[in-house]
Each structure stands twice: as C-alpha cells, then as structure tokens.
N, C-alpha and C. Protein backbone atom coordinates (compact mmCIF):
# COMPACT_ATOMS: atom_id res chain seq x y z
N UNK A 1 112.05 52.03 -2.77
CA UNK A 1 113.30 52.72 -2.74
C UNK A 1 112.82 54.17 -2.33
N UNK A 2 113.35 54.84 -1.37
CA UNK A 2 113.18 56.10 -0.97
C UNK A 2 114.60 56.93 -1.31
N UNK A 3 114.47 57.95 -2.04
CA UNK A 3 115.68 58.78 -2.20
C UNK A 3 116.36 59.46 -0.83
N UNK A 4 117.56 59.55 -0.80
CA UNK A 4 118.17 60.10 0.33
C UNK A 4 118.41 61.36 -0.12
N UNK A 5 118.72 62.31 0.94
CA UNK A 5 118.99 63.72 0.85
C UNK A 5 117.78 64.55 0.52
N UNK A 6 117.79 65.80 0.28
CA UNK A 6 116.69 66.61 -0.03
C UNK A 6 115.64 66.68 1.10
N UNK A 7 116.03 66.42 2.24
CA UNK A 7 115.25 66.28 3.64
C UNK A 7 114.32 65.12 3.46
N UNK A 8 114.70 64.26 2.84
CA UNK A 8 113.70 62.98 2.51
C UNK A 8 112.97 62.63 3.81
N UNK A 9 113.83 62.55 4.97
CA UNK A 9 113.34 61.96 6.29
C UNK A 9 112.10 62.97 6.72
N UNK A 10 112.18 64.23 6.41
CA UNK A 10 111.17 65.05 6.73
C UNK A 10 110.03 65.13 5.76
N UNK A 11 109.94 64.95 4.41
CA UNK A 11 109.14 65.04 3.51
C UNK A 11 108.10 63.66 3.42
N UNK A 12 107.06 63.93 2.86
CA UNK A 12 106.01 62.92 2.66
C UNK A 12 106.78 61.81 1.64
N UNK A 13 106.70 60.55 2.19
CA UNK A 13 107.61 59.58 1.40
C UNK A 13 107.08 59.28 0.10
N UNK A 14 105.90 59.59 -0.19
CA UNK A 14 105.25 58.95 -1.29
C UNK A 14 105.46 60.27 -2.46
N UNK A 15 105.44 61.58 -1.75
CA UNK A 15 105.69 62.71 -2.57
C UNK A 15 107.25 62.66 -3.25
N UNK A 16 108.18 62.14 -2.00
CA UNK A 16 109.68 62.13 -2.40
C UNK A 16 109.88 61.04 -3.43
N UNK A 17 109.04 60.05 -3.39
CA UNK A 17 109.19 58.95 -4.21
C UNK A 17 108.70 59.29 -5.77
N UNK A 18 107.68 60.00 -5.86
CA UNK A 18 107.11 60.39 -7.03
C UNK A 18 108.21 61.35 -7.47
N UNK A 19 108.76 62.18 -6.83
CA UNK A 19 109.72 63.21 -7.55
C UNK A 19 111.11 62.44 -7.86
N UNK A 20 111.24 61.43 -7.41
CA UNK A 20 112.49 60.52 -7.91
C UNK A 20 112.15 59.76 -9.02
N UNK A 21 110.85 59.48 -9.20
CA UNK A 21 110.56 58.60 -10.27
C UNK A 21 110.15 59.60 -11.59
N UNK A 22 109.76 60.61 -11.19
CA UNK A 22 109.47 61.87 -12.41
C UNK A 22 110.47 61.81 -13.48
N UNK A 23 111.77 61.52 -13.21
CA UNK A 23 112.54 61.56 -14.51
C UNK A 23 113.06 60.20 -14.98
N UNK A 24 112.23 59.34 -14.59
CA UNK A 24 112.51 57.98 -15.28
C UNK A 24 111.12 57.59 -16.01
N UNK A 25 111.44 57.53 -17.31
CA UNK A 25 110.29 57.30 -18.27
C UNK A 25 109.99 55.52 -18.27
N UNK A 26 108.76 55.32 -18.14
CA UNK A 26 108.61 53.77 -18.24
C UNK A 26 107.45 53.67 -19.42
N UNK A 27 107.20 52.27 -19.74
CA UNK A 27 106.23 52.12 -20.70
C UNK A 27 104.87 52.49 -20.06
N UNK A 28 104.20 52.76 -20.95
CA UNK A 28 102.62 53.10 -20.65
C UNK A 28 101.69 52.06 -20.36
N UNK A 29 101.00 52.03 -19.31
CA UNK A 29 99.95 51.05 -19.20
C UNK A 29 100.05 50.23 -17.92
N UNK A 30 101.18 50.69 -16.92
CA UNK A 30 101.18 49.95 -15.70
C UNK A 30 99.97 50.54 -14.72
N UNK A 31 99.46 49.36 -14.19
CA UNK A 31 98.30 49.50 -13.22
C UNK A 31 98.43 48.37 -12.28
N UNK A 32 99.04 48.90 -11.12
CA UNK A 32 99.45 48.04 -9.98
C UNK A 32 98.91 48.57 -8.74
N UNK A 33 98.12 47.72 -8.18
CA UNK A 33 97.53 48.11 -6.75
C UNK A 33 98.24 47.28 -5.81
N UNK A 34 98.50 47.85 -4.50
CA UNK A 34 99.17 47.42 -3.49
C UNK A 34 98.44 47.60 -2.12
N UNK A 35 98.47 46.64 -1.34
CA UNK A 35 97.85 46.75 0.12
C UNK A 35 99.19 46.31 0.96
N UNK A 36 99.69 47.16 1.60
CA UNK A 36 100.68 46.94 2.67
C UNK A 36 100.15 47.26 3.89
N UNK A 37 100.17 46.15 4.55
CA UNK A 37 99.50 46.06 6.09
C UNK A 37 98.28 47.14 6.24
N UNK A 38 97.39 47.05 5.10
CA UNK A 38 96.14 47.96 5.49
C UNK A 38 96.43 49.37 4.75
N UNK A 39 97.36 49.76 4.25
CA UNK A 39 97.53 50.81 3.55
C UNK A 39 97.42 50.50 2.12
N UNK A 40 96.80 51.48 1.37
CA UNK A 40 96.56 51.13 -0.09
C UNK A 40 97.20 52.03 -1.11
N UNK A 41 97.92 51.75 -2.02
CA UNK A 41 98.51 52.38 -2.90
C UNK A 41 98.21 51.91 -4.37
N UNK A 42 98.42 52.76 -5.36
CA UNK A 42 98.18 52.30 -6.77
C UNK A 42 99.48 53.06 -7.44
N UNK A 43 100.04 52.20 -8.26
CA UNK A 43 101.12 52.57 -9.00
C UNK A 43 100.71 52.60 -10.67
N UNK A 44 100.76 53.66 -11.26
CA UNK A 44 100.50 53.87 -12.73
C UNK A 44 101.23 54.45 -13.51
N UNK A 45 101.13 54.31 -14.67
CA UNK A 45 101.93 55.18 -15.72
C UNK A 45 100.81 55.42 -16.93
N UNK A 46 100.98 56.25 -17.81
CA UNK A 46 99.96 56.96 -18.79
C UNK A 46 99.24 55.58 -19.47
N UNK A 47 98.07 55.97 -19.68
CA UNK A 47 97.20 54.88 -20.63
C UNK A 47 97.65 55.06 -22.08
N UNK A 48 98.46 56.06 -22.65
CA UNK A 48 98.78 56.22 -23.88
C UNK A 48 99.80 55.28 -24.30
N UNK A 49 100.41 55.72 -25.63
CA UNK A 49 101.22 54.86 -26.17
C UNK A 49 102.80 55.20 -25.99
N UNK A 50 102.87 56.48 -25.39
CA UNK A 50 104.21 56.96 -25.21
C UNK A 50 104.87 56.60 -23.64
N UNK A 51 106.07 56.74 -23.67
CA UNK A 51 106.72 56.51 -22.18
C UNK A 51 106.20 57.66 -21.33
N UNK A 52 106.01 57.42 -19.96
CA UNK A 52 105.70 58.23 -19.09
C UNK A 52 106.29 57.85 -17.66
N UNK A 53 106.44 58.73 -16.92
CA UNK A 53 106.92 58.73 -15.34
C UNK A 53 105.82 57.71 -14.67
N UNK A 54 106.20 57.02 -13.68
CA UNK A 54 105.38 56.21 -12.94
C UNK A 54 104.67 57.22 -11.80
N UNK A 55 103.55 56.96 -11.41
CA UNK A 55 102.87 57.91 -10.26
C UNK A 55 102.44 57.04 -9.26
N UNK A 56 102.78 57.45 -7.93
CA UNK A 56 102.31 56.39 -6.81
C UNK A 56 101.43 57.37 -6.13
N UNK A 57 100.04 56.77 -5.91
CA UNK A 57 98.94 57.30 -5.15
C UNK A 57 98.74 56.58 -3.86
N UNK A 58 98.30 57.30 -2.82
CA UNK A 58 97.74 56.65 -1.72
C UNK A 58 96.30 56.75 -1.97
N UNK A 59 95.73 55.51 -1.40
CA UNK A 59 94.03 55.45 -1.47
C UNK A 59 93.46 55.27 -0.41
N UNK A 60 92.22 55.60 -0.23
CA UNK A 60 91.56 55.38 1.16
C UNK A 60 90.99 54.01 1.09
N UNK A 61 90.61 53.49 -0.06
CA UNK A 61 90.16 52.08 -0.03
C UNK A 61 91.04 51.45 -1.29
N UNK A 62 90.87 50.06 -1.20
CA UNK A 62 91.53 49.06 -1.86
C UNK A 62 90.84 49.09 -3.31
N UNK A 63 91.67 49.00 -4.41
CA UNK A 63 90.91 48.91 -5.81
C UNK A 63 92.07 48.03 -6.33
N UNK A 64 91.57 46.98 -7.09
CA UNK A 64 92.33 46.01 -7.70
C UNK A 64 92.76 46.65 -9.16
N UNK A 65 94.12 46.61 -9.36
CA UNK A 65 94.67 46.81 -10.60
C UNK A 65 94.94 45.77 -11.38
N UNK A 66 95.57 45.99 -12.46
CA UNK A 66 95.70 44.64 -13.25
C UNK A 66 96.70 43.60 -12.45
N UNK A 67 97.42 44.31 -11.59
CA UNK A 67 98.33 43.40 -10.89
C UNK A 67 97.85 43.69 -9.48
N UNK A 68 97.86 43.07 -8.44
CA UNK A 68 97.44 43.43 -7.09
C UNK A 68 98.33 42.56 -6.21
N UNK A 69 99.01 43.46 -5.50
CA UNK A 69 100.15 42.89 -4.38
C UNK A 69 99.70 43.15 -3.21
N UNK A 70 99.63 42.19 -2.06
CA UNK A 70 99.37 42.15 -0.80
C UNK A 70 100.40 41.82 -0.12
N UNK A 71 100.95 42.70 0.93
CA UNK A 71 102.01 42.52 1.76
C UNK A 71 101.66 42.61 3.19
N UNK A 72 101.87 41.70 4.02
CA UNK A 72 101.36 41.73 5.42
C UNK A 72 101.69 42.74 6.34
N UNK A 73 103.04 43.12 6.00
CA UNK A 73 103.63 44.17 7.13
C UNK A 73 104.86 44.87 6.41
N UNK A 74 105.19 45.99 7.09
CA UNK A 74 106.41 46.79 6.73
C UNK A 74 107.61 46.05 6.78
N UNK A 75 107.75 45.16 7.68
CA UNK A 75 108.99 44.27 7.74
C UNK A 75 109.20 43.52 6.48
N UNK A 76 107.94 42.94 6.29
CA UNK A 76 108.06 41.96 5.11
C UNK A 76 108.35 42.76 3.64
N UNK A 77 107.85 44.13 3.69
CA UNK A 77 108.07 44.75 2.37
C UNK A 77 109.89 45.20 2.77
N UNK A 78 110.31 45.43 3.69
CA UNK A 78 112.01 45.67 3.78
C UNK A 78 112.50 44.38 3.40
N UNK A 79 112.06 43.29 3.53
CA UNK A 79 112.80 42.02 3.11
C UNK A 79 112.54 41.78 1.65
N UNK A 80 111.65 42.30 1.04
CA UNK A 80 111.45 42.21 -0.25
C UNK A 80 112.34 43.22 -1.09
N UNK A 81 112.73 44.44 -0.47
CA UNK A 81 113.44 45.36 -1.12
C UNK A 81 114.94 44.95 -1.81
N UNK A 82 115.39 44.16 -1.22
CA UNK A 82 116.76 43.34 -1.62
C UNK A 82 116.61 42.03 -1.90
N UNK A 83 115.53 41.48 -2.16
CA UNK A 83 115.30 40.05 -2.03
C UNK A 83 115.59 39.46 -3.48
N UNK A 84 115.96 38.32 -3.49
CA UNK A 84 115.93 37.59 -4.65
C UNK A 84 114.88 36.59 -4.74
N UNK A 85 114.57 35.86 -5.88
CA UNK A 85 113.52 35.05 -6.10
C UNK A 85 113.15 34.15 -5.08
N UNK A 86 114.20 33.51 -4.45
CA UNK A 86 114.10 32.50 -3.40
C UNK A 86 113.38 33.30 -2.11
N UNK A 87 113.69 34.22 -1.73
CA UNK A 87 113.04 34.93 -0.68
C UNK A 87 111.56 35.30 -0.96
N UNK A 88 111.25 35.66 -2.25
CA UNK A 88 109.84 35.94 -2.85
C UNK A 88 109.04 34.73 -2.44
N UNK A 89 109.73 33.59 -2.98
CA UNK A 89 108.91 32.39 -2.95
C UNK A 89 108.65 32.02 -1.50
N UNK A 90 109.55 32.34 -0.57
CA UNK A 90 109.38 31.79 0.69
C UNK A 90 108.37 32.60 1.39
N UNK A 91 108.24 33.86 1.12
CA UNK A 91 107.25 34.85 1.43
C UNK A 91 105.82 34.53 1.05
N UNK A 92 105.91 34.21 -0.09
CA UNK A 92 104.49 33.62 -0.84
C UNK A 92 104.11 32.52 -0.05
N UNK A 93 104.83 31.39 0.27
CA UNK A 93 104.69 30.27 0.89
C UNK A 93 104.16 30.34 2.30
N UNK A 94 104.62 31.32 2.81
CA UNK A 94 104.43 31.68 4.40
C UNK A 94 103.20 32.66 4.48
N UNK A 95 102.57 32.96 3.29
CA UNK A 95 101.40 33.94 3.08
C UNK A 95 101.56 35.21 3.63
N UNK A 96 102.97 35.68 3.63
CA UNK A 96 103.21 37.00 3.86
C UNK A 96 103.09 37.98 2.84
N UNK A 97 103.22 37.34 1.65
CA UNK A 97 103.05 38.25 0.39
C UNK A 97 102.15 37.21 -0.54
N UNK A 98 101.09 38.20 -1.28
CA UNK A 98 100.41 37.53 -2.27
C UNK A 98 100.38 38.49 -3.58
N UNK A 99 100.36 37.60 -4.67
CA UNK A 99 100.44 38.55 -6.03
C UNK A 99 99.32 37.98 -6.69
N UNK A 100 98.49 38.76 -7.29
CA UNK A 100 97.35 38.38 -8.18
C UNK A 100 97.40 39.22 -9.45
N UNK A 101 96.78 38.43 -10.54
CA UNK A 101 96.81 39.19 -11.77
C UNK A 101 98.02 39.02 -12.77
N UNK A 102 98.30 40.07 -13.36
CA UNK A 102 99.56 40.23 -14.60
C UNK A 102 100.82 40.17 -13.89
N UNK A 103 101.36 38.94 -13.56
CA UNK A 103 102.85 39.09 -13.07
C UNK A 103 103.80 39.54 -13.97
N UNK A 104 103.58 39.65 -15.36
CA UNK A 104 104.35 40.33 -16.33
C UNK A 104 104.62 41.72 -16.12
N UNK A 105 103.42 42.41 -15.54
CA UNK A 105 103.72 43.78 -15.20
C UNK A 105 104.99 44.05 -14.24
N UNK A 106 104.92 43.19 -13.16
CA UNK A 106 105.86 43.36 -12.15
C UNK A 106 107.34 43.23 -12.80
N UNK A 107 107.35 42.07 -13.40
CA UNK A 107 108.64 41.81 -14.11
C UNK A 107 109.16 42.83 -15.10
N UNK A 108 108.33 43.26 -15.94
CA UNK A 108 108.72 44.40 -16.89
C UNK A 108 108.93 45.81 -16.13
N UNK A 109 108.32 45.99 -15.14
CA UNK A 109 108.69 47.32 -14.15
C UNK A 109 109.73 47.00 -13.57
N UNK A 110 110.13 45.90 -13.01
CA UNK A 110 111.57 45.77 -12.41
C UNK A 110 112.66 45.93 -13.49
N UNK A 111 112.38 45.25 -14.69
CA UNK A 111 113.37 45.47 -15.68
C UNK A 111 113.78 46.94 -16.07
N UNK A 112 112.58 47.61 -16.14
CA UNK A 112 112.77 49.25 -16.45
C UNK A 112 113.29 50.00 -15.40
N UNK A 113 113.13 49.60 -14.25
CA UNK A 113 113.60 50.51 -13.12
C UNK A 113 114.93 49.92 -12.57
N UNK A 114 115.44 48.79 -12.91
CA UNK A 114 116.82 48.27 -12.59
C UNK A 114 118.03 49.16 -12.83
N UNK A 115 118.04 49.70 -13.98
CA UNK A 115 119.23 50.71 -14.45
C UNK A 115 119.06 51.98 -13.61
N UNK A 116 117.98 52.26 -12.91
CA UNK A 116 118.12 53.58 -12.37
C UNK A 116 118.08 53.53 -10.80
N UNK A 117 118.24 52.04 -10.37
CA UNK A 117 118.23 51.88 -8.84
C UNK A 117 119.13 52.71 -8.22
N UNK A 118 120.68 52.77 -8.53
CA UNK A 118 121.27 53.64 -7.72
C UNK A 118 121.04 55.09 -7.69
N UNK A 119 120.59 55.62 -8.82
CA UNK A 119 120.22 57.13 -8.73
C UNK A 119 118.85 57.25 -7.86
N UNK A 120 118.03 56.21 -7.87
CA UNK A 120 116.80 56.58 -7.02
C UNK A 120 117.17 56.67 -5.47
N UNK A 121 118.26 55.70 -5.19
CA UNK A 121 118.77 55.50 -3.78
C UNK A 121 119.42 56.83 -3.29
N UNK A 122 119.79 57.69 -3.97
CA UNK A 122 120.69 58.80 -3.64
C UNK A 122 119.78 59.77 -3.02
C-alpha cells in the first residue's frame, strides 16, 4: 500500500511507506524478508516487548527473515494487493509466489494492519 498525496509519486516509495506506517503500532518481533523480482526488502518491528511501528528497509543482498516471501514480478505483487486466499493459492501453485518459514507472522501482520488499510491508502 502506497499512500496517496504528499507528493507520493515524487518521493522514495519506501520512505513514503515508512512514514505511513510510523503512526501504526504493531506487535514486537516481526522479521519478514522479501525478494520481489530480485529487489530485497526487510520488514521488521522492535525486538522488545512493546508495540512499535513497522520499518521497511531495502537491502543489497537477500537475507532470510523468520518469514521469507519470494514474488516473481511486480505484476504478481499487484495481484496480491487485493487478493483473496484463492488467488494466493493460485500464485503459489503457479510458482509465482513462494512463502517460507513462519506463516503465522504474515497472518498476524495482516490482522494488525487491516483496520488501518483505508488510512494508509490516503
């Protein structure tokens, strides 16, 4: 989700996304790595016991988080943005999406971010 407004089209997309996420506290301990068509990202929250914002960082090399997601293309990522479970299963079956490790992290993060979805899209 990339926020609209604030010159989002001209700004670094990761910085804009981190700005939008800064006001949304989530549980501590998220450690998700992603490879999107050869671009590497890490999504983390604090290691402590208190809630903190998510942070997304771009990496020069791929590192495995507790959960690792591999997406074959930007088009597949766009399909995932509004996808239901059936689409996810189709993309996994077609080997366009691979998820390894702790699936519970993805489920928990989705649940935590869902109430904030509309605010993040603005």
